[in-house]
Amino acid sequence: MIYMIIPMILCSIPTMIFGFNIVGGNFQTNKHMNSHVIIAKDKIGPKMCVKDCISHKGCNGVNYIRDVLTCELLSITYPDDKLIYGNGIYFTNITGWTQEVNRCYPNPCQENTYCVEASYNQHVCVTFDVPCDSNPCVNSGTCRNGVNRYTCICPSGYYGTICQCKYSRYNLIYD
């Protein structure tokens, strides 16, 4: 019988090289920020949600829906955006969080990109598409990104999937 001794090289690599330690801030229970969702992700934990926010340029807050493991990366603009009650939803502003030093922290990328760590102490800035980028809502509807979907919030007097229908006193008018 031949035995091979395989050295455990991975044990000697410090874990901080991967940049997963997120510490500091805290989540506010049963609160969410009603603001622009940059992108939404599902099947993700709360600290990974914060890590993703740190990696996305322009993200400064997170809504986390615990029951369905959904993360909303937010671009909050004060004073227009408001913190409101939301059962089972948690909010955090990322200014209180820190991440161990890695190739993507602090984020070196431009707007509408996220940073991915690469080999040899490098990083890659990757652009991403989100459902609302195509401006699908009409008649001054506001688009809200979701996980692989969007929702149009229609102004008064309009309704429909993309706010394409207008209420009339006598009948419905389709634009």
N, C-alpha and C. Protein backbone atom coordinates (compact mmCIF):
# COMPACT_ATOMS: atom_id res chain seq x y z
N MET A 1 0.84 -1.16 0.00
CA MET A 1 0.00 0.00 0.00
C MET A 1 0.89 1.24 0.00
N ILE A 2 0.55 2.21 -0.85
CA ILE A 2 1.34 3.44 -0.95
C ILE A 2 0.54 4.58 -0.32
N TYR A 3 1.19 5.32 0.55
CA TYR A 3 0.57 6.47 1.18
C TYR A 3 1.22 7.74 0.65
N MET A 4 0.40 8.73 0.39
CA MET A 4 0.94 10.02 -0.03
C MET A 4 0.68 11.03 1.08
N ILE A 5 1.64 11.84 1.34
CA ILE A 5 1.46 12.91 2.31
C ILE A 5 1.22 14.19 1.52
N ILE A 6 0.05 14.75 1.71
CA ILE A 6 -0.32 15.98 1.02
C ILE A 6 -0.25 17.12 2.03
N PRO A 7 0.63 18.07 1.81
CA PRO A 7 0.74 19.17 2.76
C PRO A 7 -0.55 20.00 2.79
N MET A 8 -0.90 20.48 3.94
CA MET A 8 -2.11 21.29 4.11
C MET A 8 -1.77 22.76 3.89
N ILE A 9 -1.59 23.13 2.65
CA ILE A 9 -1.23 24.49 2.30
C ILE A 9 -2.35 25.46 2.67
N LEU A 10 -3.59 25.07 2.50
CA LEU A 10 -4.70 25.96 2.78
C LEU A 10 -4.72 26.42 4.23
N CYS A 11 -4.25 25.61 5.13
CA CYS A 11 -4.26 25.99 6.54
C CYS A 11 -3.35 27.17 6.83
N SER A 12 -2.34 27.36 6.00
CA SER A 12 -1.40 28.45 6.27
C SER A 12 -1.87 29.78 5.68
N ILE A 13 -2.92 29.77 4.87
CA ILE A 13 -3.43 31.02 4.28
C ILE A 13 -4.33 31.69 5.31
N PRO A 14 -4.03 32.93 5.67
CA PRO A 14 -4.88 33.60 6.64
C PRO A 14 -6.28 33.82 6.08
N THR A 15 -7.30 33.68 6.92
CA THR A 15 -8.67 33.82 6.44
C THR A 15 -8.98 35.24 6.02
N MET A 16 -8.24 36.22 6.50
CA MET A 16 -8.55 37.59 6.14
C MET A 16 -8.31 37.87 4.66
N ILE A 17 -7.59 37.02 3.96
CA ILE A 17 -7.36 37.24 2.54
C ILE A 17 -8.68 37.21 1.76
N PHE A 18 -9.67 36.53 2.26
CA PHE A 18 -10.94 36.42 1.56
C PHE A 18 -11.91 37.53 1.90
N GLY A 19 -11.66 38.34 2.93
CA GLY A 19 -12.45 39.51 3.22
C GLY A 19 -13.89 39.27 3.63
N PHE A 20 -14.17 38.22 4.39
CA PHE A 20 -15.55 37.94 4.75
C PHE A 20 -15.96 38.49 6.11
N ASN A 21 -15.02 38.90 6.93
CA ASN A 21 -15.39 39.38 8.26
C ASN A 21 -16.02 40.76 8.19
N ILE A 22 -17.31 40.80 8.49
CA ILE A 22 -18.07 42.04 8.52
C ILE A 22 -18.43 42.26 9.99
N VAL A 23 -18.04 43.39 10.55
CA VAL A 23 -18.30 43.66 11.95
C VAL A 23 -18.78 45.10 12.13
N GLY A 24 -19.30 45.38 13.30
CA GLY A 24 -19.64 46.75 13.63
C GLY A 24 -21.12 46.99 13.76
N GLY A 25 -21.73 47.48 12.72
CA GLY A 25 -23.10 47.97 12.74
C GLY A 25 -24.13 46.98 13.27
N ASN A 26 -25.37 47.42 13.24
CA ASN A 26 -26.47 46.56 13.68
C ASN A 26 -27.70 46.83 12.82
N PHE A 27 -28.62 45.88 12.86
CA PHE A 27 -29.86 45.98 12.13
C PHE A 27 -30.96 46.49 13.05
N GLN A 28 -31.83 47.35 12.52
CA GLN A 28 -33.01 47.80 13.25
C GLN A 28 -34.13 46.82 12.95
N THR A 29 -34.75 46.28 14.00
CA THR A 29 -35.77 45.25 13.86
C THR A 29 -37.11 45.85 13.44
N ASN A 30 -37.79 45.16 12.54
CA ASN A 30 -39.12 45.53 12.04
C ASN A 30 -39.17 46.94 11.47
N LYS A 31 -38.10 47.32 10.79
CA LYS A 31 -38.03 48.62 10.11
C LYS A 31 -37.41 48.39 8.74
N HIS A 32 -37.88 49.14 7.78
CA HIS A 32 -37.21 49.12 6.48
C HIS A 32 -37.21 50.53 5.90
N MET A 33 -36.22 50.78 5.08
CA MET A 33 -36.07 52.08 4.45
C MET A 33 -36.80 52.06 3.13
N ASN A 34 -37.70 53.02 2.96
CA ASN A 34 -38.45 53.15 1.71
C ASN A 34 -37.62 54.01 0.77
N SER A 35 -36.71 53.38 0.05
CA SER A 35 -35.83 54.12 -0.84
C SER A 35 -35.54 53.31 -2.10
N HIS A 36 -34.70 53.85 -2.95
CA HIS A 36 -34.37 53.20 -4.23
C HIS A 36 -33.60 51.90 -3.99
N VAL A 37 -34.13 50.81 -4.53
CA VAL A 37 -33.47 49.51 -4.45
C VAL A 37 -32.55 49.39 -5.66
N ILE A 38 -31.23 49.35 -5.40
CA ILE A 38 -30.26 49.22 -6.49
C ILE A 38 -30.42 47.85 -7.13
N ILE A 39 -30.43 46.83 -6.29
CA ILE A 39 -30.59 45.45 -6.76
C ILE A 39 -31.07 44.63 -5.57
N ALA A 40 -31.83 43.59 -5.84
CA ALA A 40 -32.31 42.70 -4.79
C ALA A 40 -31.77 41.30 -5.05
N LYS A 41 -31.43 40.61 -3.97
CA LYS A 41 -30.88 39.26 -4.08
C LYS A 41 -31.63 38.35 -3.12
N ASP A 42 -31.71 37.08 -3.48
CA ASP A 42 -32.37 36.14 -2.57
C ASP A 42 -31.40 35.05 -2.14
N LYS A 43 -31.83 34.29 -1.12
CA LYS A 43 -31.03 33.19 -0.56
C LYS A 43 -29.66 33.68 -0.10
N ILE A 44 -29.68 34.69 0.75
CA ILE A 44 -28.46 35.31 1.23
C ILE A 44 -28.64 35.66 2.71
N GLY A 45 -27.57 35.60 3.48
CA GLY A 45 -27.62 35.94 4.89
C GLY A 45 -27.44 37.43 5.12
N PRO A 46 -27.74 37.92 6.33
CA PRO A 46 -27.69 39.36 6.59
C PRO A 46 -26.29 39.97 6.47
N LYS A 47 -25.26 39.29 6.97
CA LYS A 47 -23.91 39.86 6.87
C LYS A 47 -23.39 39.81 5.43
N MET A 48 -23.76 38.78 4.68
CA MET A 48 -23.38 38.73 3.28
C MET A 48 -24.10 39.84 2.51
N CYS A 49 -25.30 40.16 2.94
CA CYS A 49 -26.05 41.27 2.35
C CYS A 49 -25.28 42.58 2.55
N VAL A 50 -24.77 42.80 3.75
CA VAL A 50 -23.98 44.00 4.04
C VAL A 50 -22.70 43.98 3.22
N LYS A 51 -22.05 42.83 3.11
CA LYS A 51 -20.82 42.70 2.31
C LYS A 51 -21.10 43.05 0.85
N ASP A 52 -22.23 42.58 0.32
CA ASP A 52 -22.59 42.90 -1.06
C ASP A 52 -22.84 44.40 -1.22
N CYS A 53 -23.45 45.02 -0.24
CA CYS A 53 -23.68 46.46 -0.29
C CYS A 53 -22.36 47.21 -0.35
N ILE A 54 -21.42 46.79 0.47
CA ILE A 54 -20.09 47.42 0.47
C ILE A 54 -19.43 47.27 -0.89
N SER A 55 -19.69 46.15 -1.58
CA SER A 55 -19.07 45.88 -2.88
C SER A 55 -19.75 46.61 -4.04
N HIS A 56 -20.99 47.08 -3.84
CA HIS A 56 -21.72 47.78 -4.90
C HIS A 56 -21.56 49.28 -4.72
N LYS A 57 -21.00 49.93 -5.69
CA LYS A 57 -20.80 51.38 -5.63
C LYS A 57 -22.15 52.07 -5.57
N GLY A 58 -22.31 53.00 -4.65
CA GLY A 58 -23.56 53.74 -4.51
C GLY A 58 -24.51 53.15 -3.48
N CYS A 59 -24.21 51.97 -2.96
CA CYS A 59 -25.06 51.34 -1.94
C CYS A 59 -24.69 51.89 -0.57
N ASN A 60 -25.69 52.35 0.18
CA ASN A 60 -25.40 52.87 1.51
C ASN A 60 -26.36 52.37 2.58
N GLY A 61 -27.17 51.39 2.25
CA GLY A 61 -28.07 50.80 3.23
C GLY A 61 -28.62 49.48 2.73
N VAL A 62 -29.21 48.72 3.67
CA VAL A 62 -29.70 47.38 3.36
C VAL A 62 -31.04 47.15 4.06
N ASN A 63 -32.02 46.63 3.31
CA ASN A 63 -33.22 46.03 3.88
C ASN A 63 -33.03 44.53 3.78
N TYR A 64 -33.28 43.82 4.88
CA TYR A 64 -33.13 42.37 4.88
C TYR A 64 -34.43 41.74 5.34
N ILE A 65 -35.01 40.87 4.50
CA ILE A 65 -36.26 40.19 4.82
C ILE A 65 -35.91 38.78 5.26
N ARG A 66 -35.97 38.56 6.56
CA ARG A 66 -35.48 37.33 7.17
C ARG A 66 -36.24 36.09 6.71
N ASP A 67 -37.57 36.15 6.65
CA ASP A 67 -38.36 34.95 6.36
C ASP A 67 -38.07 34.35 4.99
N VAL A 68 -37.70 35.17 4.03
CA VAL A 68 -37.42 34.66 2.68
C VAL A 68 -35.97 34.85 2.27
N LEU A 69 -35.12 35.27 3.22
CA LEU A 69 -33.69 35.47 2.98
C LEU A 69 -33.43 36.36 1.77
N THR A 70 -34.13 37.49 1.72
CA THR A 70 -34.00 38.43 0.62
C THR A 70 -33.29 39.69 1.09
N CYS A 71 -32.40 40.16 0.26
CA CYS A 71 -31.58 41.33 0.55
C CYS A 71 -31.88 42.41 -0.48
N GLU A 72 -32.15 43.63 -0.02
CA GLU A 72 -32.31 44.78 -0.91
C GLU A 72 -31.14 45.73 -0.66
N LEU A 73 -30.34 45.96 -1.68
CA LEU A 73 -29.25 46.92 -1.59
C LEU A 73 -29.81 48.28 -1.96
N LEU A 74 -29.63 49.26 -1.09
CA LEU A 74 -30.31 50.54 -1.22
C LEU A 74 -29.38 51.69 -1.54
N SER A 75 -29.91 52.65 -2.27
CA SER A 75 -29.28 53.95 -2.46
C SER A 75 -30.19 54.95 -1.77
N ILE A 76 -29.83 55.33 -0.56
CA ILE A 76 -30.69 56.17 0.27
C ILE A 76 -30.34 57.63 0.03
N THR A 77 -31.37 58.42 -0.22
CA THR A 77 -31.20 59.86 -0.36
C THR A 77 -32.07 60.54 0.69
N TYR A 78 -31.42 61.13 1.67
CA TYR A 78 -32.15 61.82 2.73
C TYR A 78 -32.48 63.22 2.25
N PRO A 79 -33.53 63.88 2.68
CA PRO A 79 -34.54 63.46 3.64
C PRO A 79 -35.73 62.78 3.00
N ASP A 80 -35.69 62.56 1.67
CA ASP A 80 -36.84 61.99 0.97
C ASP A 80 -37.19 60.57 1.41
N ASP A 81 -36.18 59.75 1.66
CA ASP A 81 -36.42 58.36 2.03
C ASP A 81 -36.69 58.26 3.53
N LYS A 82 -37.64 57.41 3.88
CA LYS A 82 -38.07 57.33 5.27
C LYS A 82 -38.00 55.90 5.79
N LEU A 83 -37.68 55.78 7.08
CA LEU A 83 -37.66 54.50 7.77
C LEU A 83 -39.07 54.23 8.25
N ILE A 84 -39.65 53.09 7.83
CA ILE A 84 -41.03 52.76 8.20
C ILE A 84 -41.12 51.36 8.78
N TYR A 85 -42.24 51.07 9.44
CA TYR A 85 -42.47 49.77 10.06
C TYR A 85 -42.62 48.71 8.97
N GLY A 86 -42.02 47.55 9.20
CA GLY A 86 -42.16 46.42 8.29
C GLY A 86 -41.91 45.14 9.06
N ASN A 87 -42.93 44.40 9.39
CA ASN A 87 -42.82 43.19 10.19
C ASN A 87 -41.91 42.17 9.50
N GLY A 88 -40.88 41.72 10.22
CA GLY A 88 -39.95 40.73 9.70
C GLY A 88 -38.89 41.28 8.78
N ILE A 89 -38.81 42.61 8.67
CA ILE A 89 -37.81 43.25 7.82
C ILE A 89 -36.83 43.98 8.72
N TYR A 90 -35.57 43.95 8.35
CA TYR A 90 -34.52 44.59 9.14
C TYR A 90 -33.77 45.57 8.26
N PHE A 91 -33.43 46.72 8.83
CA PHE A 91 -32.70 47.75 8.09
C PHE A 91 -31.39 48.07 8.78
N THR A 92 -30.37 48.34 7.99
CA THR A 92 -29.12 48.88 8.51
C THR A 92 -28.53 49.84 7.50
N ASN A 93 -27.94 50.90 8.03
CA ASN A 93 -27.15 51.83 7.25
C ASN A 93 -25.73 51.28 7.31
N ILE A 94 -25.03 51.20 6.21
CA ILE A 94 -23.74 50.51 6.23
C ILE A 94 -22.60 51.35 6.80
N THR A 95 -22.85 52.61 7.15
CA THR A 95 -21.76 53.42 7.68
C THR A 95 -21.21 52.87 8.99
N GLY A 96 -22.00 52.13 9.75
CA GLY A 96 -21.53 51.56 11.00
C GLY A 96 -20.78 50.25 10.86
N TRP A 97 -20.77 49.68 9.67
CA TRP A 97 -20.14 48.38 9.43
C TRP A 97 -18.74 48.57 8.88
N THR A 98 -17.86 47.65 9.22
CA THR A 98 -16.53 47.63 8.61
C THR A 98 -16.23 46.21 8.14
N GLN A 99 -15.35 46.15 7.20
CA GLN A 99 -14.94 44.87 6.64
C GLN A 99 -13.42 44.82 6.71
N GLU A 100 -12.90 43.64 6.98
CA GLU A 100 -11.45 43.54 6.99
C GLU A 100 -10.91 43.94 5.62
N VAL A 101 -9.71 44.41 5.61
CA VAL A 101 -9.11 44.92 4.38
C VAL A 101 -9.01 43.81 3.34
N ASN A 102 -9.47 44.12 2.16
CA ASN A 102 -9.31 43.22 1.02
C ASN A 102 -9.21 44.07 -0.25
N ARG A 103 -9.16 43.43 -1.38
CA ARG A 103 -8.97 44.16 -2.63
C ARG A 103 -10.16 45.02 -3.03
N CYS A 104 -11.30 44.80 -2.42
CA CYS A 104 -12.51 45.55 -2.77
C CYS A 104 -12.98 46.48 -1.65
N TYR A 105 -12.21 46.63 -0.62
CA TYR A 105 -12.62 47.51 0.48
C TYR A 105 -11.48 48.43 0.84
N PRO A 106 -11.68 49.72 0.72
CA PRO A 106 -12.89 50.39 0.24
C PRO A 106 -13.09 50.20 -1.27
N ASN A 107 -14.32 50.32 -1.71
CA ASN A 107 -14.69 50.00 -3.08
C ASN A 107 -14.01 50.94 -4.08
N PRO A 108 -13.19 50.38 -4.98
CA PRO A 108 -12.49 51.19 -5.97
C PRO A 108 -13.26 51.39 -7.28
N CYS A 109 -14.44 50.83 -7.41
CA CYS A 109 -15.18 50.83 -8.68
C CYS A 109 -16.04 52.08 -8.85
N GLN A 110 -16.57 52.23 -10.07
CA GLN A 110 -17.44 53.34 -10.42
C GLN A 110 -18.91 52.97 -10.16
N GLU A 111 -19.81 53.95 -10.31
CA GLU A 111 -21.25 53.71 -10.15
C GLU A 111 -21.73 52.60 -11.09
N ASN A 112 -22.79 51.90 -10.69
CA ASN A 112 -23.39 50.80 -11.44
C ASN A 112 -22.44 49.64 -11.68
N THR A 113 -21.49 49.45 -10.77
CA THR A 113 -20.60 48.31 -10.82
C THR A 113 -20.44 47.75 -9.42
N TYR A 114 -19.97 46.53 -9.35
CA TYR A 114 -19.59 45.97 -8.06
C TYR A 114 -18.19 45.39 -8.21
N CYS A 115 -17.52 45.27 -7.07
CA CYS A 115 -16.13 44.85 -7.06
C CYS A 115 -16.03 43.37 -6.73
N VAL A 116 -15.17 42.67 -7.47
CA VAL A 116 -14.90 41.26 -7.22
C VAL A 116 -13.40 41.11 -7.02
N GLU A 117 -13.03 40.43 -5.93
CA GLU A 117 -11.62 40.19 -5.68
C GLU A 117 -11.06 39.24 -6.73
N ALA A 118 -9.84 39.51 -7.18
CA ALA A 118 -9.18 38.67 -8.16
C ALA A 118 -7.82 38.25 -7.62
N SER A 119 -7.14 37.44 -8.37
CA SER A 119 -5.82 36.95 -7.95
C SER A 119 -4.77 38.05 -7.99
N TYR A 120 -3.66 37.78 -7.34
CA TYR A 120 -2.49 38.65 -7.35
C TYR A 120 -2.80 40.06 -6.87
N ASN A 121 -3.58 40.14 -5.81
CA ASN A 121 -3.90 41.42 -5.16
C ASN A 121 -4.57 42.40 -6.13
N GLN A 122 -5.40 41.89 -7.00
CA GLN A 122 -6.11 42.71 -7.98
C GLN A 122 -7.62 42.66 -7.70
N HIS A 123 -8.36 43.47 -8.41
CA HIS A 123 -9.82 43.45 -8.34
C HIS A 123 -10.37 43.64 -9.75
N VAL A 124 -11.65 43.30 -9.93
CA VAL A 124 -12.34 43.49 -11.19
C VAL A 124 -13.63 44.22 -10.90
N CYS A 125 -13.94 45.25 -11.67
CA CYS A 125 -15.20 45.98 -11.54
C CYS A 125 -16.17 45.42 -12.58
N VAL A 126 -17.31 44.91 -12.12
CA VAL A 126 -18.27 44.26 -12.99
C VAL A 126 -19.54 45.09 -13.04
N THR A 127 -20.01 45.39 -14.24
CA THR A 127 -21.28 46.11 -14.37
C THR A 127 -22.42 45.11 -14.16
N PHE A 128 -23.55 45.61 -13.72
CA PHE A 128 -24.69 44.74 -13.50
C PHE A 128 -25.94 45.39 -14.05
N ASP A 129 -26.87 44.56 -14.51
CA ASP A 129 -28.15 45.03 -15.01
C ASP A 129 -29.21 44.76 -13.96
N VAL A 130 -30.11 45.69 -13.82
CA VAL A 130 -31.22 45.53 -12.90
C VAL A 130 -32.52 45.80 -13.66
N PRO A 131 -33.62 45.20 -13.21
CA PRO A 131 -34.87 45.31 -13.96
C PRO A 131 -35.32 46.74 -14.27
N CYS A 132 -35.12 47.68 -13.37
CA CYS A 132 -35.60 49.05 -13.60
C CYS A 132 -34.71 49.87 -14.52
N ASP A 133 -33.54 49.34 -14.91
CA ASP A 133 -32.65 50.09 -15.79
C ASP A 133 -33.29 50.46 -17.11
N SER A 134 -34.25 49.67 -17.58
CA SER A 134 -34.90 49.94 -18.86
C SER A 134 -36.06 50.93 -18.73
N ASN A 135 -36.29 51.47 -17.55
CA ASN A 135 -37.38 52.43 -17.30
C ASN A 135 -38.72 51.93 -17.83
N PRO A 136 -39.21 50.79 -17.31
CA PRO A 136 -40.43 50.20 -17.86
C PRO A 136 -41.72 50.92 -17.48
N CYS A 137 -41.72 51.71 -16.42
CA CYS A 137 -42.95 52.35 -15.96
C CYS A 137 -43.25 53.60 -16.79
N VAL A 138 -44.50 53.77 -17.16
CA VAL A 138 -44.93 54.93 -17.94
C VAL A 138 -45.79 55.84 -17.08
N ASN A 139 -46.13 56.99 -17.62
CA ASN A 139 -47.01 57.96 -16.95
C ASN A 139 -46.50 58.35 -15.56
N SER A 140 -45.20 58.57 -15.46
CA SER A 140 -44.53 59.01 -14.22
C SER A 140 -44.60 57.97 -13.11
N GLY A 141 -44.75 56.70 -13.48
CA GLY A 141 -44.70 55.62 -12.48
C GLY A 141 -43.29 55.46 -11.96
N THR A 142 -43.18 55.03 -10.71
CA THR A 142 -41.88 54.82 -10.08
C THR A 142 -41.56 53.33 -10.07
N CYS A 143 -40.40 52.98 -10.58
CA CYS A 143 -39.99 51.58 -10.66
C CYS A 143 -39.26 51.17 -9.39
N ARG A 144 -39.60 50.01 -8.84
CA ARG A 144 -38.92 49.45 -7.66
C ARG A 144 -38.39 48.07 -8.03
N ASN A 145 -37.07 47.90 -7.90
CA ASN A 145 -36.42 46.63 -8.22
C ASN A 145 -36.76 45.56 -7.19
N GLY A 146 -36.88 44.35 -7.67
CA GLY A 146 -37.05 43.17 -6.83
C GLY A 146 -36.11 42.09 -7.33
N VAL A 147 -36.19 40.91 -6.76
CA VAL A 147 -35.35 39.81 -7.19
C VAL A 147 -35.85 39.33 -8.55
N ASN A 148 -35.08 39.59 -9.60
CA ASN A 148 -35.41 39.22 -10.98
C ASN A 148 -36.77 39.74 -11.44
N ARG A 149 -37.19 40.86 -10.90
CA ARG A 149 -38.47 41.45 -11.29
C ARG A 149 -38.47 42.93 -10.90
N TYR A 150 -39.53 43.61 -11.27
CA TYR A 150 -39.73 44.99 -10.85
C TYR A 150 -41.21 45.20 -10.57
N THR A 151 -41.52 46.27 -9.86
CA THR A 151 -42.89 46.67 -9.59
C THR A 151 -42.99 48.16 -9.90
N CYS A 152 -44.04 48.54 -10.60
CA CYS A 152 -44.28 49.95 -10.87
C CYS A 152 -45.26 50.49 -9.84
N ILE A 153 -44.90 51.57 -9.21
CA ILE A 153 -45.78 52.26 -8.27
C ILE A 153 -46.39 53.42 -9.05
N CYS A 154 -47.68 53.33 -9.28
CA CYS A 154 -48.36 54.26 -10.19
C CYS A 154 -48.82 55.52 -9.46
N PRO A 155 -48.76 56.67 -10.16
CA PRO A 155 -49.28 57.90 -9.57
C PRO A 155 -50.81 57.87 -9.56
N SER A 156 -51.39 58.74 -8.82
CA SER A 156 -52.84 58.83 -8.73
C SER A 156 -53.45 58.97 -10.12
N GLY A 157 -54.49 58.18 -10.37
CA GLY A 157 -55.17 58.23 -11.65
C GLY A 157 -54.71 57.18 -12.65
N TYR A 158 -53.64 56.43 -12.32
CA TYR A 158 -53.12 55.42 -13.22
C TYR A 158 -53.02 54.08 -12.50
N TYR A 159 -53.06 53.01 -13.29
CA TYR A 159 -52.89 51.67 -12.75
C TYR A 159 -52.39 50.77 -13.87
N GLY A 160 -52.12 49.52 -13.53
CA GLY A 160 -51.64 48.54 -14.51
C GLY A 160 -50.22 48.13 -14.18
N THR A 161 -49.77 47.10 -14.84
CA THR A 161 -48.44 46.54 -14.59
C THR A 161 -47.35 47.58 -14.74
N ILE A 162 -47.49 48.44 -15.76
CA ILE A 162 -46.49 49.49 -15.98
C ILE A 162 -47.14 50.88 -15.94
N CYS A 163 -48.27 50.99 -15.24
CA CYS A 163 -49.02 52.26 -15.10
C CYS A 163 -49.56 52.74 -16.44
N GLN A 164 -49.90 51.81 -17.31
CA GLN A 164 -50.33 52.14 -18.66
C GLN A 164 -51.82 52.48 -18.76
N CYS A 165 -52.58 52.20 -17.71
CA CYS A 165 -54.02 52.43 -17.76
C CYS A 165 -54.38 53.67 -16.93
N LYS A 166 -55.36 54.42 -17.46
CA LYS A 166 -55.78 55.65 -16.79
C LYS A 166 -57.25 55.52 -16.41
N TYR A 167 -57.52 55.90 -15.16
CA TYR A 167 -58.91 55.92 -14.72
C TYR A 167 -59.61 57.10 -15.36
N SER A 168 -60.86 56.91 -15.75
CA SER A 168 -61.68 57.97 -16.30
C SER A 168 -62.98 58.00 -15.51
N ARG A 169 -63.68 59.07 -15.57
CA ARG A 169 -64.94 59.19 -14.83
C ARG A 169 -65.97 58.18 -15.33
N TYR A 170 -65.97 57.91 -16.64
CA TYR A 170 -66.99 57.05 -17.20
C TYR A 170 -66.49 55.69 -17.63
N ASN A 171 -65.24 55.60 -18.02
CA ASN A 171 -64.70 54.31 -18.44
C ASN A 171 -63.18 54.33 -18.31
N LEU A 172 -62.59 53.22 -18.57
CA LEU A 172 -61.15 53.13 -18.47
C LEU A 172 -60.51 53.49 -19.79
N ILE A 173 -59.43 54.23 -19.73
CA ILE A 173 -58.71 54.64 -20.92
C ILE A 173 -57.35 53.97 -20.89
N TYR A 174 -56.96 53.31 -21.97
CA TYR A 174 -55.66 52.68 -22.06
C TYR A 174 -54.74 53.57 -22.88
N ASP A 175 -53.62 53.92 -22.29
CA ASP A 175 -52.66 54.77 -23.03
C ASP A 175 -51.85 53.94 -23.98
